[in-house]
Amino acid sequence: MPKILITSTSFGKKVKEPLETLENKGYDLKFNDVGRPLLAEELIERVADCDGCIAGLDYFTAEVFAACDKLRIVSRYGSGVDRVDLKAAAEAGVTVTNTPVANSDSVADLAIGLMLAVARKIPAADRSVRDGKWENMYGVSLSGKTVGLVGFGRIGRRVGDRAKGFDCRVLAYDPFVDADAMSEAGAESKTLDEVLAESDFISLHLPANDETRAMINAEKFALMKPTAIVVNTARGETVDQDALLAALREDRIGGAGLDAHSVEPPEPALFQSMDNVVLTPHMGAYTRESLVNMATGAVENLCDFFEGKTPAHVVVKGSK
């Protein structure tokens, strides 16, 4: 049977059934022994003798594909493929699959949760009460505000749907979605600068690539309202962290809710005194429902491939 490397650190821990499926089918399994996403050189050491991989947020670079001749499929445990060099995968004949709808609702829930947590100072209030204090903490409402979505894919649309439940005006920027489609989904199509300038809450839903890396920089922060709250549940690389820190320290924006970070884990000292910042450990997809969907989808894609069937969600069709 094929030998499979499982790099995701959460796969099989909370949701056992998909892992049991692989075991029952007789796959030869090996696991991530580092406890975090693997860098290219670490992947090469571990996947070189494998036929397939159920991949977390690891760095599948061109070097990985060039060094691992035996590898036939990378089955992403999740939707994003920005850390997989798709061109190199295609050239190496490796199939790449993902689970694009598995975690959309869970990530959208967290995005709204971060908006509320920052706006109403919920973590700071919790710490205050635990410290024996009883003080008034004034925040701002989400209800009736303008929510700007930078990226209007599956997750962005779901955040927009939730924001409308708070009677929010929803703006969206996405060069790959036309204005009519946005309008049908209840969002107003705007340029990036218009979204940033007009929104009270800005939620990022971008992949990390050459076009989006550090897209939200000092120039973009300067466009925002001084009360704007920025939420990132996508990829930390899309935000210039130095520019974000400067905007927060100088009160040029109102706050931030960050689930995705440019370096993970982030340096705690950078945000130590900022009660207007809420940090979470890239946990947007970590609900039971999402984990079931991602694990089941990743396993089904992998098994279908090795059983000669076409996987449900193929990003790159390999030739091996």
C-alpha atoms as a PDB file:
ATOM      1  CA  MET A   1       0.000   0.000   0.000  1.00  0.00           C
ATOM      2  CA  PRO A   2       1.120   3.607  -0.522  1.00  0.00           C
ATOM      3  CA  LYS A   3       3.207   5.304   2.128  1.00  0.00           C
ATOM      4  CA  ILE A   4       1.646   8.543   3.358  1.00  0.00           C
ATOM      5  CA  LEU A   5       3.108  11.415   5.357  1.00  0.00           C
ATOM      6  CA  ILE A   6       0.561  13.302   7.474  1.00  0.00           C
ATOM      7  CA  THR A   7       1.976  16.717   8.278  1.00  0.00           C
ATOM      8  CA  SER A   8      -1.084  18.417   9.798  1.00  0.00           C
ATOM      9  CA  THR A   9      -0.641  18.615  13.558  1.00  0.00           C
ATOM     10  CA  SER A  10      -4.387  18.398  14.268  1.00  0.00           C
ATOM     11  CA  PHE A  11      -5.288  15.565  11.895  1.00  0.00           C
ATOM     12  CA  GLY A  12      -6.595  12.530  13.789  1.00  0.00           C
ATOM     13  CA  LYS A  13      -6.493  14.116  17.245  1.00  0.00           C
ATOM     14  CA  LYS A  14     -10.005  15.442  17.761  1.00  0.00           C
ATOM     15  CA  VAL A  15     -11.637  13.582  14.889  1.00  0.00           C
ATOM     16  CA  LYS A  16     -10.540   9.937  14.706  1.00  0.00           C
ATOM     17  CA  GLU A  17     -12.671   8.464  11.927  1.00  0.00           C
ATOM     18  CA  PRO A  18     -10.742   9.714   8.851  1.00  0.00           C
ATOM     19  CA  LEU A  19      -7.456   8.474  10.333  1.00  0.00           C
ATOM     20  CA  GLU A  20      -9.089   5.127  11.062  1.00  0.00           C
ATOM     21  CA  THR A  21     -10.201   4.985   7.414  1.00  0.00           C
ATOM     22  CA  LEU A  22      -6.586   5.210   6.280  1.00  0.00           C
ATOM     23  CA  GLU A  23      -5.477   2.620   8.843  1.00  0.00           C
ATOM     24  CA  ASN A  24      -8.265   0.221   7.893  1.00  0.00           C
ATOM     25  CA  LYS A  25      -7.336   0.512   4.212  1.00  0.00           C
ATOM     26  CA  GLY A  26      -3.790  -0.483   5.083  1.00  0.00           C
ATOM     27  CA  TYR A  27      -1.909   2.702   4.202  1.00  0.00           C
ATOM     28  CA  ASP A  28       1.607   2.953   5.632  1.00  0.00           C
ATOM     29  CA  LEU A  29       1.389   6.139   7.711  1.00  0.00           C
ATOM     30  CA  LYS A  30       4.039   8.422   9.149  1.00  0.00           C
ATOM     31  CA  PHE A  31       3.465  11.673  11.016  1.00  0.00           C
ATOM     32  CA  ASN A  32       4.871  15.146  11.556  1.00  0.00           C
ATOM     33  CA  ASP A  33       7.374  14.819  14.410  1.00  0.00           C
ATOM     34  CA  VAL A  34       8.088  18.548  14.714  1.00  0.00           C
ATOM     35  CA  GLY A  35       4.697  19.817  15.892  1.00  0.00           C
ATOM     36  CA  ARG A  36       4.422  22.751  13.481  1.00  0.00           C
ATOM     37  CA  PRO A  37       4.228  23.328   9.720  1.00  0.00           C
ATOM     38  CA  LEU A  38       7.308  21.899   8.047  1.00  0.00           C
ATOM     39  CA  LEU A  39       9.820  23.982   6.131  1.00  0.00           C
ATOM     40  CA  ALA A  40      11.008  22.812   2.731  1.00  0.00           C
ATOM     41  CA  GLU A  41      14.162  21.101   3.960  1.00  0.00           C
ATOM     42  CA  GLU A  42      12.204  19.349   6.712  1.00  0.00           C
ATOM     43  CA  LEU A  43       9.621  18.168   4.201  1.00  0.00           C
ATOM     44  CA  ILE A  44      12.289  16.769   1.903  1.00  0.00           C
ATOM     45  CA  GLU A  45      13.699  14.677   4.749  1.00  0.00           C
ATOM     46  CA  ARG A  46      10.297  13.244   5.610  1.00  0.00           C
ATOM     47  CA  VAL A  47       8.382  12.943   2.338  1.00  0.00           C
ATOM     48  CA  ALA A  48      11.116  11.715  -0.011  1.00  0.00           C
ATOM     49  CA  ASP A  49      10.153   8.072   0.531  1.00  0.00           C
ATOM     50  CA  CYS A  50       6.374   8.713   0.475  1.00  0.00           C
ATOM     51  CA  ASP A  51       3.807   8.262  -2.276  1.00  0.00           C
ATOM     52  CA  GLY A  52       1.416  10.864  -0.890  1.00  0.00           C
ATOM     53  CA  CYS A  53       0.924  13.506   1.758  1.00  0.00           C
ATOM     54  CA  ILE A  54      -1.995  14.863   3.741  1.00  0.00           C
ATOM     55  CA  ALA A  55      -0.642  18.359   4.150  1.00  0.00           C
ATOM     56  CA  GLY A  56      -1.194  21.124   6.641  1.00  0.00           C
ATOM     57  CA  LEU A  57       0.336  24.590   6.239  1.00  0.00           C
ATOM     58  CA  ASP A  58       3.710  23.241   5.138  1.00  0.00           C
ATOM     59  CA  TYR A  59       5.995  24.799   2.527  1.00  0.00           C
ATOM     60  CA  PHE A  60       5.879  22.664  -0.612  1.00  0.00           C
ATOM     61  CA  THR A  61       8.428  24.564  -2.665  1.00  0.00           C
ATOM     62  CA  ALA A  62       9.907  23.716  -6.054  1.00  0.00           C
ATOM     63  CA  GLU A  63      12.851  22.192  -4.198  1.00  0.00           C
ATOM     64  CA  VAL A  64      10.533  19.749  -2.430  1.00  0.00           C
ATOM     65  CA  PHE A  65       8.973  18.537  -5.661  1.00  0.00           C
ATOM     66  CA  ALA A  66      12.366  18.291  -7.374  1.00  0.00           C
ATOM     67  CA  ALA A  67      13.808  16.192  -4.544  1.00  0.00           C
ATOM     68  CA  CYS A  68      10.861  13.846  -4.013  1.00  0.00           C
ATOM     69  CA  ASP A  69      10.501  11.747  -7.146  1.00  0.00           C
ATOM     70  CA  LYS A  70       8.245   9.201  -5.459  1.00  0.00           C
ATOM     71  CA  LEU A  71       5.621  11.751  -4.373  1.00  0.00           C
ATOM     72  CA  ARG A  72       2.420  11.536  -6.417  1.00  0.00           C
ATOM     73  CA  ILE A  73      -0.210  13.541  -4.519  1.00  0.00           C
ATOM     74  CA  VAL A  74      -0.424  16.371  -1.989  1.00  0.00           C
ATOM     75  CA  SER A  75      -3.873  16.302  -0.418  1.00  0.00           C
ATOM     76  CA  ARG A  76      -4.355  19.601   1.416  1.00  0.00           C
ATOM     77  CA  TYR A  77      -6.111  19.396   4.761  1.00  0.00           C
ATOM     78  CA  GLY A  78      -7.833  22.752   4.229  1.00  0.00           C
ATOM     79  CA  SER A  79      -8.605  25.121   1.379  1.00  0.00           C
ATOM     80  CA  GLY A  80      -5.520  27.291   0.916  1.00  0.00           C
ATOM     81  CA  VAL A  81      -2.794  26.221  -1.483  1.00  0.00           C
ATOM     82  CA  ASP A  82      -0.630  29.352  -1.313  1.00  0.00           C
ATOM     83  CA  ARG A  83       2.191  27.424   0.369  1.00  0.00           C
ATOM     84  CA  VAL A  84       2.235  24.860  -2.427  1.00  0.00           C
ATOM     85  CA  ASP A  85       4.193  25.769  -5.556  1.00  0.00           C
ATOM     86  CA  LEU A  86       1.497  24.693  -7.995  1.00  0.00           C
ATOM     87  CA  LYS A  87       3.643  25.279 -11.084  1.00  0.00           C
ATOM     88  CA  ALA A  88       6.404  23.086  -9.668  1.00  0.00           C
ATOM     89  CA  ALA A  89       3.856  20.438  -8.700  1.00  0.00           C
ATOM     90  CA  ALA A  90       2.489  20.353 -12.241  1.00  0.00           C
ATOM     91  CA  GLU A  91       5.973  20.139 -13.746  1.00  0.00           C
ATOM     92  CA  ALA A  92       6.797  17.266 -11.377  1.00  0.00           C
ATOM     93  CA  GLY A  93       3.575  15.466 -12.290  1.00  0.00           C
ATOM     94  CA  VAL A  94       2.202  15.700  -8.740  1.00  0.00           C
ATOM     95  CA  THR A  95      -1.538  16.010  -8.169  1.00  0.00           C
ATOM     96  CA  VAL A  96      -2.661  18.650  -5.644  1.00  0.00           C
ATOM     97  CA  THR A  97      -6.115  18.581  -4.045  1.00  0.00           C
ATOM     98  CA  ASN A  98      -7.833  20.627  -1.348  1.00  0.00           C
ATOM     99  CA  THR A  99     -11.038  20.876   0.691  1.00  0.00           C
ATOM    100  CA  PRO A 100     -12.349  24.298  -0.387  1.00  0.00           C
ATOM    101  CA  VAL A 101     -15.668  24.459   1.452  1.00  0.00           C
ATOM    102  CA  ALA A 102     -14.719  22.545   4.592  1.00  0.00           C
ATOM    103  CA  ASN A 103     -13.871  25.403   6.938  1.00  0.00           C
ATOM    104  CA  SER A 104     -15.615  28.432   5.438  1.00  0.00           C
ATOM    105  CA  ASP A 105     -18.287  28.778   8.118  1.00  0.00           C
ATOM    106  CA  SER A 106     -15.869  28.225  10.994  1.00  0.00           C
ATOM    107  CA  VAL A 107     -13.458  30.901   9.746  1.00  0.00           C
ATOM    108  CA  ALA A 108     -16.310  33.328   9.064  1.00  0.00           C
ATOM    109  CA  ASP A 109     -17.628  32.794  12.593  1.00  0.00           C
ATOM    110  CA  LEU A 110     -14.225  33.629  14.036  1.00  0.00           C
ATOM    111  CA  ALA A 111     -13.890  36.763  11.891  1.00  0.00           C
ATOM    112  CA  ILE A 112     -17.131  38.121  13.328  1.00  0.00           C
ATOM    113  CA  GLY A 113     -16.060  36.984  16.784  1.00  0.00           C
ATOM    114  CA  LEU A 114     -12.831  38.947  16.503  1.00  0.00           C
ATOM    115  CA  MET A 115     -14.716  42.046  15.388  1.00  0.00           C
ATOM    116  CA  LEU A 116     -16.878  41.835  18.500  1.00  0.00           C
ATOM    117  CA  ALA A 117     -13.988  40.931  20.802  1.00  0.00           C
ATOM    118  CA  VAL A 118     -11.967  43.986  19.758  1.00  0.00           C
ATOM    119  CA  ALA A 119     -14.894  46.384  19.504  1.00  0.00           C
ATOM    120  CA  ARG A 120     -16.333  45.449  22.904  1.00  0.00           C
ATOM    121  CA  LYS A 121     -12.949  44.814  24.605  1.00  0.00           C
ATOM    122  CA  ILE A 122     -14.082  41.373  25.688  1.00  0.00           C
ATOM    123  CA  PRO A 123     -10.631  39.848  26.452  1.00  0.00           C
ATOM    124  CA  ALA A 124      -9.519  42.954  28.371  1.00  0.00           C
ATOM    125  CA  ALA A 125     -12.764  42.953  30.351  1.00  0.00           C
ATOM    126  CA  ASP A 126     -12.332  39.274  31.168  1.00  0.00           C
ATOM    127  CA  ARG A 127      -8.797  39.867  32.454  1.00  0.00           C
ATOM    128  CA  SER A 128      -9.976  42.835  34.510  1.00  0.00           C
ATOM    129  CA  VAL A 129     -12.727  40.872  36.261  1.00  0.00           C
ATOM    130  CA  ARG A 130     -10.353  37.971  36.929  1.00  0.00           C
ATOM    131  CA  ASP A 131      -7.978  40.489  38.546  1.00  0.00           C
ATOM    132  CA  GLY A 132     -10.741  41.471  40.987  1.00  0.00           C
ATOM    133  CA  LYS A 133     -11.661  44.730  39.285  1.00  0.00           C
ATOM    134  CA  TRP A 134     -15.089  45.988  38.289  1.00  0.00           C
ATOM    135  CA  GLU A 135     -14.617  48.842  35.854  1.00  0.00           C
ATOM    136  CA  ASN A 136     -16.607  50.257  32.988  1.00  0.00           C
ATOM    137  CA  MET A 137     -15.137  49.438  29.599  1.00  0.00           C
ATOM    138  CA  TYR A 138     -16.637  51.397  26.756  1.00  0.00           C
ATOM    139  CA  GLY A 139     -16.501  49.984  23.255  1.00  0.00           C
ATOM    140  CA  VAL A 140     -18.277  50.417  19.960  1.00  0.00           C
ATOM    141  CA  SER A 141     -21.115  48.491  18.360  1.00  0.00           C
ATOM    142  CA  LEU A 142     -20.823  46.345  15.287  1.00  0.00           C
ATOM    143  CA  SER A 143     -24.507  46.888  14.550  1.00  0.00           C
ATOM    144  CA  GLY A 144     -25.216  49.355  11.775  1.00  0.00           C
ATOM    145  CA  LYS A 145     -21.577  49.858  10.843  1.00  0.00           C
ATOM    146  CA  THR A 146     -19.823  49.424   7.494  1.00  0.00           C
ATOM    147  CA  VAL A 147     -17.929  46.164   7.082  1.00  0.00           C
ATOM    148  CA  GLY A 148     -15.342  46.000   4.310  1.00  0.00           C
ATOM    149  CA  LEU A 149     -14.258  42.671   2.860  1.00  0.00           C
ATOM    150  CA  VAL A 150     -10.896  42.456   1.133  1.00  0.00           C
ATOM    151  CA  GLY A 151     -11.406  39.261  -0.817  1.00  0.00           C
ATOM    152  CA  PHE A 152     -14.858  37.953  -1.670  1.00  0.00           C
ATOM    153  CA  GLY A 153     -14.432  34.211  -1.978  1.00  0.00           C
ATOM    154  CA  ARG A 154     -16.329  31.590   0.010  1.00  0.00           C
ATOM    155  CA  ILE A 155     -15.227  32.860   3.422  1.00  0.00           C
ATOM    156  CA  GLY A 156     -15.566  36.543   2.584  1.00  0.00           C
ATOM    157  CA  ARG A 157     -19.124  35.993   1.385  1.00  0.00           C
ATOM    158  CA  ARG A 158     -20.009  34.160   4.577  1.00  0.00           C
ATOM    159  CA  VAL A 159     -18.605  37.005   6.676  1.00  0.00           C
ATOM    160  CA  GLY A 160     -20.739  39.385   4.624  1.00  0.00           C
ATOM    161  CA  ASP A 161     -23.829  37.267   5.276  1.00  0.00           C
ATOM    162  CA  ARG A 162     -23.170  37.375   9.009  1.00  0.00           C
ATOM    163  CA  ALA A 163     -22.471  41.120   8.977  1.00  0.00           C
ATOM    164  CA  LYS A 164     -25.840  41.739   7.336  1.00  0.00           C
ATOM    165  CA  GLY A 165     -27.407  40.071  10.365  1.00  0.00           C
ATOM    166  CA  PHE A 166     -26.009  43.016  12.342  1.00  0.00           C
ATOM    167  CA  ASP A 167     -27.634  45.447   9.877  1.00  0.00           C
ATOM    168  CA  CYS A 168     -24.232  46.355   8.482  1.00  0.00           C
ATOM    169  CA  ARG A 169     -23.493  47.876   5.125  1.00  0.00           C
ATOM    170  CA  VAL A 170     -21.136  45.466   3.328  1.00  0.00           C
ATOM    171  CA  LEU A 171     -18.427  46.614   0.910  1.00  0.00           C
ATOM    172  CA  ALA A 172     -16.169  44.263  -0.995  1.00  0.00           C
ATOM    173  CA  TYR A 173     -13.023  44.326  -3.079  1.00  0.00           C
ATOM    174  CA  ASP A 174     -12.019  41.367  -5.201  1.00  0.00           C
ATOM    175  CA  PRO A 175     -10.580  41.744  -8.710  1.00  0.00           C
ATOM    176  CA  PHE A 176     -11.748  38.223  -9.568  1.00  0.00           C
ATOM    177  CA  VAL A 177     -15.432  38.746  -8.704  1.00  0.00           C
ATOM    178  CA  ASP A 178     -17.601  41.012 -10.832  1.00  0.00           C
ATOM    179  CA  ALA A 179     -19.844  43.717  -9.430  1.00  0.00           C
ATOM    180  CA  ASP A 180     -23.076  41.918 -10.353  1.00  0.00           C
ATOM    181  CA  ALA A 181     -22.068  38.810  -8.403  1.00  0.00           C
ATOM    182  CA  MET A 182     -21.222  40.964  -5.389  1.00  0.00           C
ATOM    183  CA  SER A 183     -24.528  42.793  -5.642  1.00  0.00           C
ATOM    184  CA  GLU A 184     -26.445  39.523  -5.791  1.00  0.00           C
ATOM    185  CA  ALA A 185     -24.636  38.484  -2.601  1.00  0.00           C
ATOM    186  CA  GLY A 186     -25.583  41.743  -0.878  1.00  0.00           C
ATOM    187  CA  ALA A 187     -22.256  43.552  -1.104  1.00  0.00           C
ATOM    188  CA  GLU A 188     -21.241  46.770  -2.860  1.00  0.00           C
ATOM    189  CA  SER A 189     -18.300  46.446  -5.241  1.00  0.00           C
ATOM    190  CA  LYS A 190     -15.569  48.956  -4.420  1.00  0.00           C
ATOM    191  CA  THR A 191     -11.902  49.544  -5.124  1.00  0.00           C
ATOM    192  CA  LEU A 192      -9.457  48.450  -2.446  1.00  0.00           C
ATOM    193  CA  ASP A 193      -8.821  52.055  -1.388  1.00  0.00           C
ATOM    194  CA  GLU A 194     -12.554  52.756  -1.151  1.00  0.00           C
ATOM    195  CA  VAL A 195     -13.118  49.710   1.043  1.00  0.00           C
ATOM    196  CA  LEU A 196     -10.291  50.728   3.358  1.00  0.00           C
ATOM    197  CA  ALA A 197     -11.361  54.362   3.571  1.00  0.00           C
ATOM    198  CA  GLU A 198     -15.089  53.810   4.117  1.00  0.00           C
ATOM    199  CA  SER A 199     -15.174  50.801   6.445  1.00  0.00           C
ATOM    200  CA  ASP A 200     -15.482  50.679  10.210  1.00  0.00           C
ATOM    201  CA  PHE A 201     -14.448  47.024  10.249  1.00  0.00           C
ATOM    202  CA  ILE A 202     -12.061  45.578   7.632  1.00  0.00           C
ATOM    203  CA  SER A 203     -11.870  41.813   7.243  1.00  0.00           C
ATOM    204  CA  LEU A 204      -9.083  40.276   5.150  1.00  0.00           C
ATOM    205  CA  HIS A 205      -9.720  37.160   3.069  1.00  0.00           C
ATOM    206  CA  LEU A 206      -6.720  36.943   0.763  1.00  0.00           C
ATOM    207  CA  PRO A 207      -4.312  34.181  -0.207  1.00  0.00           C
ATOM    208  CA  ALA A 208      -0.619  34.903   0.185  1.00  0.00           C
ATOM    209  CA  ASN A 209       1.099  35.345  -3.162  1.00  0.00           C
ATOM    210  CA  ASP A 210       3.326  37.814  -4.975  1.00  0.00           C
ATOM    211  CA  GLU A 211       0.399  40.166  -5.598  1.00  0.00           C
ATOM    212  CA  THR A 212      -0.974  40.182  -2.049  1.00  0.00           C
ATOM    213  CA  ARG A 213       2.155  39.932   0.087  1.00  0.00           C
ATOM    214  CA  ALA A 214       2.267  43.039   2.350  1.00  0.00           C
ATOM    215  CA  MET A 215      -0.673  44.470   0.385  1.00  0.00           C
ATOM    216  CA  ILE A 216      -1.930  46.117   3.578  1.00  0.00           C
ATOM    217  CA  ASN A 217       1.006  48.439   4.174  1.00  0.00           C
ATOM    218  CA  ALA A 218       1.650  51.877   5.651  1.00  0.00           C
ATOM    219  CA  GLU A 219       0.030  53.606   2.680  1.00  0.00           C
ATOM    220  CA  LYS A 220      -3.118  51.506   3.109  1.00  0.00           C
ATOM    221  CA  PHE A 221      -3.295  52.027   6.869  1.00  0.00           C
ATOM    222  CA  ALA A 222      -3.155  55.778   6.230  1.00  0.00           C
ATOM    223  CA  LEU A 223      -6.411  55.507   4.271  1.00  0.00           C
ATOM    224  CA  MET A 224      -8.329  53.928   7.144  1.00  0.00           C
ATOM    225  CA  LYS A 225     -10.519  55.665   9.682  1.00  0.00           C
ATOM    226  CA  PRO A 226      -8.783  56.245  13.029  1.00  0.00           C
ATOM    227  CA  THR A 227     -11.494  54.063  14.562  1.00  0.00           C
ATOM    228  CA  ALA A 228     -11.208  51.220  12.022  1.00  0.00           C
ATOM    229  CA  ILE A 229     -10.768  47.680  13.299  1.00  0.00           C
ATOM    230  CA  VAL A 230      -8.773  45.310  11.079  1.00  0.00           C
ATOM    231  CA  VAL A 231      -9.377  41.558  11.240  1.00  0.00           C
ATOM    232  CA  ASN A 232      -7.143  38.980   9.578  1.00  0.00           C
ATOM    233  CA  THR A 233      -8.264  35.339   9.516  1.00  0.00           C
ATOM    234  CA  ALA A 234      -6.526  34.604   6.199  1.00  0.00           C
ATOM    235  CA  ARG A 235      -2.748  34.858   5.848  1.00  0.00           C
ATOM    236  CA  GLY A 236      -0.421  36.983   7.957  1.00  0.00           C
ATOM    237  CA  GLU A 237       1.876  37.621   5.013  1.00  0.00           C
ATOM    238  CA  THR A 238      -0.758  39.905   3.449  1.00  0.00           C
ATOM    239  CA  VAL A 239      -0.144  42.539   6.149  1.00  0.00           C
ATOM    240  CA  ASP A 240       3.060  44.526   6.654  1.00  0.00           C
ATOM    241  CA  GLN A 241       3.520  43.823  10.352  1.00  0.00           C
ATOM    242  CA  ASP A 242       5.777  46.820  11.012  1.00  0.00           C
ATOM    243  CA  ALA A 243       3.205  49.113   9.412  1.00  0.00           C
ATOM    244  CA  LEU A 244       0.420  47.497  11.457  1.00  0.00           C
ATOM    245  CA  LEU A 245       2.342  47.930  14.702  1.00  0.00           C
ATOM    246  CA  ALA A 246       3.068  51.568  13.867  1.00  0.00           C
ATOM    247  CA  ALA A 247      -0.593  52.246  13.075  1.00  0.00           C
ATOM    248  CA  LEU A 248      -1.655  50.693  16.377  1.00  0.00           C
ATOM    249  CA  ARG A 249       0.981  52.436  18.494  1.00  0.00           C
ATOM    250  CA  GLU A 250       0.206  55.810  16.960  1.00  0.00           C
ATOM    251  CA  ASP A 251      -3.579  55.358  17.268  1.00  0.00           C
ATOM    252  CA  ARG A 252      -4.034  55.652  13.511  1.00  0.00           C
ATOM    253  CA  ILE A 253      -6.478  52.729  13.602  1.00  0.00           C
ATOM    254  CA  GLY A 254      -8.828  51.587  16.317  1.00  0.00           C
ATOM    255  CA  GLY A 255      -7.626  48.039  16.804  1.00  0.00           C
ATOM    256  CA  ALA A 256      -6.962  44.631  15.279  1.00  0.00           C
ATOM    257  CA  GLY A 257      -8.110  41.041  15.604  1.00  0.00           C
ATOM    258  CA  LEU A 258      -5.408  38.719  14.307  1.00  0.00           C
ATOM    259  CA  ASP A 259      -5.773  34.993  13.793  1.00  0.00           C
ATOM    260  CA  ALA A 260      -3.156  34.911  11.025  1.00  0.00           C
ATOM    261  CA  HIS A 261       0.332  36.279  11.629  1.00  0.00           C
ATOM    262  CA  SER A 262       3.340  37.013   9.432  1.00  0.00           C
ATOM    263  CA  VAL A 263       5.428  34.878  11.800  1.00  0.00           C
ATOM    264  CA  GLU A 264       3.686  32.069  13.627  1.00  0.00           C
ATOM    265  CA  PRO A 265       3.704  32.041  16.557  1.00  0.00           C
ATOM    266  CA  PRO A 266       4.098  35.834  16.807  1.00  0.00           C
ATOM    267  CA  GLU A 267       6.398  37.524  19.299  1.00  0.00           C
ATOM    268  CA  PRO A 268       4.112  38.241  22.322  1.00  0.00           C
ATOM    269  CA  ALA A 269       6.100  41.292  23.409  1.00  0.00           C
ATOM    270  CA  LEU A 270       5.128  43.140  20.223  1.00  0.00           C
ATOM    271  CA  PHE A 271       1.502  43.368  21.359  1.00  0.00           C
ATOM    272  CA  GLN A 272       1.999  43.203  25.117  1.00  0.00           C
ATOM    273  CA  SER A 273       0.465  46.566  26.070  1.00  0.00           C
ATOM    274  CA  MET A 274      -2.203  46.722  23.365  1.00  0.00           C
ATOM    275  CA  ASP A 275      -5.643  46.059  24.816  1.00  0.00           C
ATOM    276  CA  ASN A 276      -7.143  46.982  21.452  1.00  0.00           C
ATOM    277  CA  VAL A 277      -5.560  43.906  19.838  1.00  0.00           C
ATOM    278  CA  VAL A 278      -6.932  40.373  20.143  1.00  0.00           C
ATOM    279  CA  LEU A 279      -4.634  37.516  19.127  1.00  0.00           C
ATOM    280  CA  THR A 280      -5.632  33.944  18.344  1.00  0.00           C
ATOM    281  CA  PRO A 281      -3.397  31.032  17.228  1.00  0.00           C
ATOM    282  CA  HIS A 282      -4.521  30.585  13.601  1.00  0.00           C
ATOM    283  CA  MET A 283      -7.520  28.639  14.845  1.00  0.00           C
ATOM    284  CA  GLY A 284     -10.149  29.744  12.328  1.00  0.00           C
ATOM    285  CA  ALA A 285     -10.647  26.207  11.031  1.00  0.00           C
ATOM    286  CA  TYR A 286     -10.500  24.581  14.453  1.00  0.00           C
ATOM    287  CA  THR A 287     -14.070  23.621  15.156  1.00  0.00           C
ATOM    288  CA  ARG A 288     -15.235  20.043  15.321  1.00  0.00           C
ATOM    289  CA  GLU A 289     -17.435  20.578  12.290  1.00  0.00           C
ATOM    290  CA  SER A 290     -14.606  22.044  10.254  1.00  0.00           C
ATOM    291  CA  LEU A 291     -12.110  19.381  11.314  1.00  0.00           C
ATOM    292  CA  VAL A 292     -14.560  16.646  10.314  1.00  0.00           C
ATOM    293  CA  ASN A 293     -15.084  18.257   6.922  1.00  0.00           C
ATOM    294  CA  MET A 294     -11.396  18.898   6.252  1.00  0.00           C
ATOM    295  CA  ALA A 295     -10.177  15.495   7.417  1.00  0.00           C
ATOM    296  CA  THR A 296     -12.908  13.591   5.613  1.00  0.00           C
ATOM    297  CA  GLY A 297     -12.387  15.567   2.407  1.00  0.00           C
ATOM    298  CA  ALA A 298      -8.599  15.212   2.487  1.00  0.00           C
ATOM    299  CA  VAL A 299      -8.834  11.454   3.051  1.00  0.00           C
ATOM    300  CA  GLU A 300     -11.466  11.005   0.341  1.00  0.00           C
ATOM    301  CA  ASN A 301      -9.323  12.954  -2.139  1.00  0.00           C
ATOM    302  CA  LEU A 302      -6.285  10.843  -1.279  1.00  0.00           C
ATOM    303  CA  CYS A 303      -8.093   7.502  -1.383  1.00  0.00           C
ATOM    304  CA  ASP A 304      -9.896   8.322  -4.620  1.00  0.00           C
ATOM    305  CA  PHE A 305      -6.568   9.158  -6.234  1.00  0.00           C
ATOM    306  CA  PHE A 306      -4.902   5.893  -5.244  1.00  0.00           C
ATOM    307  CA  GLU A 307      -8.021   3.917  -6.180  1.00  0.00           C
ATOM    308  CA  GLY A 308      -7.975   5.318  -9.691  1.00  0.00           C
ATOM    309  CA  LYS A 309     -10.895   7.718  -9.259  1.00  0.00           C
ATOM    310  CA  THR A 310     -10.932  11.473  -9.837  1.00  0.00           C
ATOM    311  CA  PRO A 311     -10.784  13.325  -6.489  1.00  0.00           C
ATOM    312  CA  ALA A 312     -13.606  15.763  -5.807  1.00  0.00           C
ATOM    313  CA  HIS A 313     -11.385  18.859  -5.587  1.00  0.00           C
ATOM    314  CA  VAL A 314      -8.366  18.829  -7.875  1.00  0.00           C
ATOM    315  CA  VAL A 315      -6.227  21.969  -7.970  1.00  0.00           C
ATOM    316  CA  VAL A 316      -3.451  20.460 -10.093  1.00  0.00           C
ATOM    317  CA  LYS A 317      -3.872  17.271 -12.105  1.00  0.00           C
ATOM    318  CA  GLY A 318      -0.562  15.430 -12.107  1.00  0.00           C
ATOM    319  CA  SER A 319       0.737  12.892 -14.565  1.00  0.00           C
ATOM    320  CA  LYS A 320       2.219  10.359 -12.148  1.00  0.00           C
END
